[in-house]
N, C-alpha and C. Protein backbone atom coordinates (compact mmCIF):
# COMPACT_ATOMS: atom_id res chain seq x y z
N MET A 1 -15.97 3.95 7.16
CA MET A 1 -14.82 3.07 7.05
C MET A 1 -15.09 1.83 7.89
N ASN A 2 -14.64 0.69 7.38
CA ASN A 2 -14.84 -0.57 8.06
C ASN A 2 -13.82 -0.74 9.19
N PRO A 3 -14.17 -1.56 10.20
CA PRO A 3 -13.17 -1.86 11.23
C PRO A 3 -11.99 -2.59 10.58
N ILE A 4 -10.81 -2.40 11.11
CA ILE A 4 -9.60 -3.00 10.54
C ILE A 4 -9.56 -4.49 10.85
N ASP A 5 -9.35 -5.30 9.83
CA ASP A 5 -9.19 -6.74 9.98
C ASP A 5 -7.71 -7.00 10.21
N THR A 6 -7.30 -7.06 11.47
CA THR A 6 -5.88 -7.18 11.80
C THR A 6 -5.28 -8.50 11.36
N PHE A 7 -6.10 -9.50 11.09
CA PHE A 7 -5.56 -10.78 10.64
C PHE A 7 -4.99 -10.67 9.23
N ASN A 8 -5.41 -9.67 8.46
CA ASN A 8 -4.89 -9.48 7.11
C ASN A 8 -3.69 -8.55 7.09
N LEU A 9 -3.23 -8.07 8.23
CA LEU A 9 -2.11 -7.15 8.29
C LEU A 9 -0.88 -7.89 8.82
N ASP A 10 -0.02 -8.31 7.92
CA ASP A 10 1.22 -8.94 8.34
C ASP A 10 2.39 -8.01 8.02
N ILE A 11 3.57 -8.35 8.48
CA ILE A 11 4.72 -7.47 8.32
C ILE A 11 5.06 -7.26 6.85
N ARG A 12 4.87 -8.28 6.02
CA ARG A 12 5.14 -8.14 4.59
C ARG A 12 4.19 -7.13 3.95
N SER A 13 2.92 -7.20 4.33
CA SER A 13 1.93 -6.27 3.79
C SER A 13 2.24 -4.84 4.21
N LEU A 14 2.60 -4.67 5.46
CA LEU A 14 2.91 -3.33 5.95
C LEU A 14 4.21 -2.80 5.33
N SER A 15 5.18 -3.69 5.10
CA SER A 15 6.42 -3.28 4.43
C SER A 15 6.13 -2.85 2.99
N THR A 16 5.22 -3.55 2.35
CA THR A 16 4.83 -3.19 0.99
C THR A 16 4.17 -1.82 0.98
N PHE A 17 3.28 -1.58 1.93
CA PHE A 17 2.62 -0.27 2.03
C PHE A 17 3.64 0.84 2.18
N ILE A 18 4.60 0.66 3.07
CA ILE A 18 5.63 1.69 3.31
C ILE A 18 6.49 1.89 2.06
N ALA A 19 6.85 0.80 1.37
CA ALA A 19 7.66 0.93 0.16
C ALA A 19 6.92 1.72 -0.91
N VAL A 20 5.64 1.44 -1.11
CA VAL A 20 4.87 2.18 -2.11
C VAL A 20 4.72 3.64 -1.68
N LEU A 21 4.48 3.87 -0.41
CA LEU A 21 4.36 5.24 0.09
C LEU A 21 5.68 6.00 -0.12
N ASP A 22 6.80 5.39 0.21
CA ASP A 22 8.11 6.03 0.05
C ASP A 22 8.48 6.25 -1.42
N GLU A 23 8.23 5.24 -2.24
CA GLU A 23 8.66 5.28 -3.64
C GLU A 23 7.69 6.04 -4.54
N GLY A 24 6.43 6.09 -4.15
CA GLY A 24 5.43 6.73 -4.99
C GLY A 24 5.16 6.00 -6.28
N SER A 25 5.48 4.70 -6.29
CA SER A 25 5.34 3.89 -7.50
C SER A 25 5.29 2.42 -7.12
N VAL A 26 4.33 1.70 -7.71
CA VAL A 26 4.25 0.26 -7.47
C VAL A 26 5.47 -0.43 -8.07
N SER A 27 5.88 0.00 -9.26
CA SER A 27 7.04 -0.62 -9.92
C SER A 27 8.32 -0.43 -9.13
N ARG A 28 8.56 0.78 -8.67
CA ARG A 28 9.79 1.03 -7.89
C ARG A 28 9.74 0.32 -6.55
N ALA A 29 8.55 0.23 -5.95
CA ALA A 29 8.41 -0.50 -4.68
C ALA A 29 8.72 -1.98 -4.90
N ALA A 30 8.27 -2.53 -6.02
CA ALA A 30 8.53 -3.93 -6.32
C ALA A 30 10.04 -4.20 -6.45
N VAL A 31 10.74 -3.31 -7.14
CA VAL A 31 12.19 -3.45 -7.28
C VAL A 31 12.85 -3.37 -5.90
N ARG A 32 12.44 -2.41 -5.12
CA ARG A 32 13.00 -2.23 -3.77
C ARG A 32 12.80 -3.47 -2.91
N LEU A 33 11.63 -4.10 -3.04
CA LEU A 33 11.30 -5.26 -2.21
C LEU A 33 11.76 -6.58 -2.82
N GLY A 34 12.18 -6.54 -4.07
CA GLY A 34 12.64 -7.76 -4.74
C GLY A 34 11.50 -8.70 -5.09
N VAL A 35 10.35 -8.14 -5.42
CA VAL A 35 9.19 -8.94 -5.81
C VAL A 35 8.64 -8.39 -7.12
N SER A 36 7.65 -9.07 -7.67
CA SER A 36 7.06 -8.60 -8.93
C SER A 36 6.08 -7.45 -8.67
N GLN A 37 5.84 -6.69 -9.72
CA GLN A 37 4.86 -5.61 -9.64
C GLN A 37 3.48 -6.18 -9.31
N SER A 38 3.18 -7.33 -9.86
CA SER A 38 1.91 -8.00 -9.60
C SER A 38 1.76 -8.35 -8.12
N ALA A 39 2.83 -8.81 -7.50
CA ALA A 39 2.79 -9.15 -6.07
C ALA A 39 2.48 -7.92 -5.23
N VAL A 40 3.09 -6.79 -5.58
CA VAL A 40 2.82 -5.55 -4.86
C VAL A 40 1.36 -5.14 -5.04
N SER A 41 0.86 -5.23 -6.26
CA SER A 41 -0.54 -4.87 -6.54
C SER A 41 -1.51 -5.75 -5.75
N HIS A 42 -1.24 -7.04 -5.71
CA HIS A 42 -2.12 -7.96 -4.97
C HIS A 42 -2.07 -7.67 -3.47
N THR A 43 -0.90 -7.37 -2.97
CA THR A 43 -0.78 -7.03 -1.54
C THR A 43 -1.54 -5.75 -1.24
N LEU A 44 -1.44 -4.75 -2.11
CA LEU A 44 -2.20 -3.51 -1.91
C LEU A 44 -3.70 -3.77 -1.95
N ASP A 45 -4.14 -4.67 -2.81
CA ASP A 45 -5.57 -5.01 -2.86
C ASP A 45 -6.03 -5.59 -1.53
N ARG A 46 -5.23 -6.47 -0.94
CA ARG A 46 -5.59 -7.05 0.36
C ARG A 46 -5.60 -5.98 1.45
N LEU A 47 -4.63 -5.07 1.41
CA LEU A 47 -4.60 -3.98 2.39
C LEU A 47 -5.80 -3.05 2.23
N ARG A 48 -6.16 -2.76 1.00
CA ARG A 48 -7.31 -1.90 0.74
C ARG A 48 -8.57 -2.51 1.36
N GLN A 49 -8.72 -3.80 1.18
CA GLN A 49 -9.89 -4.48 1.73
C GLN A 49 -9.84 -4.48 3.26
N ALA A 50 -8.69 -4.77 3.83
CA ALA A 50 -8.56 -4.83 5.28
C ALA A 50 -8.75 -3.47 5.94
N LEU A 51 -8.25 -2.41 5.28
CA LEU A 51 -8.29 -1.07 5.87
C LEU A 51 -9.50 -0.25 5.43
N GLY A 52 -10.19 -0.69 4.39
CA GLY A 52 -11.37 0.02 3.93
C GLY A 52 -11.07 1.36 3.29
N ASP A 53 -9.92 1.45 2.62
CA ASP A 53 -9.52 2.69 1.96
C ASP A 53 -8.75 2.34 0.69
N ALA A 54 -8.83 3.22 -0.31
CA ALA A 54 -8.11 2.99 -1.57
C ALA A 54 -6.59 3.04 -1.39
N LEU A 55 -6.11 3.76 -0.40
CA LEU A 55 -4.70 3.94 -0.05
C LEU A 55 -3.91 4.74 -1.08
N PHE A 56 -3.97 4.35 -2.36
CA PHE A 56 -3.27 5.05 -3.43
C PHE A 56 -4.21 5.15 -4.62
N VAL A 57 -4.19 6.30 -5.28
CA VAL A 57 -5.03 6.50 -6.47
C VAL A 57 -4.17 7.01 -7.61
N LYS A 58 -4.61 6.69 -8.83
CA LYS A 58 -3.87 7.13 -10.00
C LYS A 58 -3.96 8.64 -10.15
N SER A 59 -2.85 9.22 -10.57
CA SER A 59 -2.79 10.65 -10.83
C SER A 59 -1.82 10.85 -11.98
N GLY A 60 -2.35 11.16 -13.14
CA GLY A 60 -1.48 11.29 -14.31
C GLY A 60 -0.86 9.95 -14.63
N ARG A 61 0.46 9.91 -14.65
CA ARG A 61 1.17 8.67 -14.94
C ARG A 61 1.60 7.92 -13.68
N GLY A 62 1.31 8.47 -12.52
CA GLY A 62 1.74 7.83 -11.29
C GLY A 62 0.59 7.60 -10.33
N ILE A 63 0.94 7.45 -9.07
CA ILE A 63 -0.05 7.28 -8.02
C ILE A 63 0.24 8.26 -6.89
N VAL A 64 -0.80 8.59 -6.16
CA VAL A 64 -0.64 9.45 -4.98
C VAL A 64 -1.37 8.80 -3.82
N PRO A 65 -0.85 8.97 -2.61
CA PRO A 65 -1.51 8.38 -1.44
C PRO A 65 -2.78 9.16 -1.09
N THR A 66 -3.74 8.44 -0.56
CA THR A 66 -4.95 9.08 -0.04
C THR A 66 -4.61 9.74 1.29
N ARG A 67 -5.52 10.53 1.78
CA ARG A 67 -5.33 11.18 3.09
C ARG A 67 -5.12 10.12 4.17
N TYR A 68 -5.89 9.04 4.10
CA TYR A 68 -5.77 7.95 5.06
C TYR A 68 -4.36 7.36 5.05
N ALA A 69 -3.83 7.11 3.84
CA ALA A 69 -2.48 6.54 3.71
C ALA A 69 -1.43 7.48 4.29
N LEU A 70 -1.58 8.77 4.03
CA LEU A 70 -0.64 9.75 4.57
C LEU A 70 -0.70 9.81 6.09
N GLN A 71 -1.90 9.69 6.64
CA GLN A 71 -2.04 9.73 8.10
C GLN A 71 -1.53 8.45 8.75
N ALA A 72 -1.75 7.32 8.08
CA ALA A 72 -1.34 6.03 8.64
C ALA A 72 0.16 5.79 8.52
N GLY A 73 0.78 6.30 7.46
CA GLY A 73 2.19 6.04 7.18
C GLY A 73 3.13 6.19 8.36
N PRO A 74 3.09 7.33 9.06
CA PRO A 74 4.03 7.51 10.17
C PRO A 74 3.81 6.54 11.35
N HIS A 75 2.64 5.93 11.41
CA HIS A 75 2.32 5.03 12.51
C HIS A 75 2.66 3.56 12.21
N ILE A 76 3.04 3.30 10.98
CA ILE A 76 3.32 1.91 10.59
C ILE A 76 4.81 1.65 10.66
């Protein structure tokens, strides 16, 4: 895993991560945050790069958090 690039971690990005983790859906997280689904996806892409982890992976029709995302969630 790469060292964390803290300059890419802002409060909006972390709020997006928590919303996706709580909602279990990019679409529902977007509605909760009042932004587009595309905005949530782009923010997750930046977080994935900064944290060096996929964070969420497709499973059937939805997404599930990776082990890293589950471990990081309570600390964010």
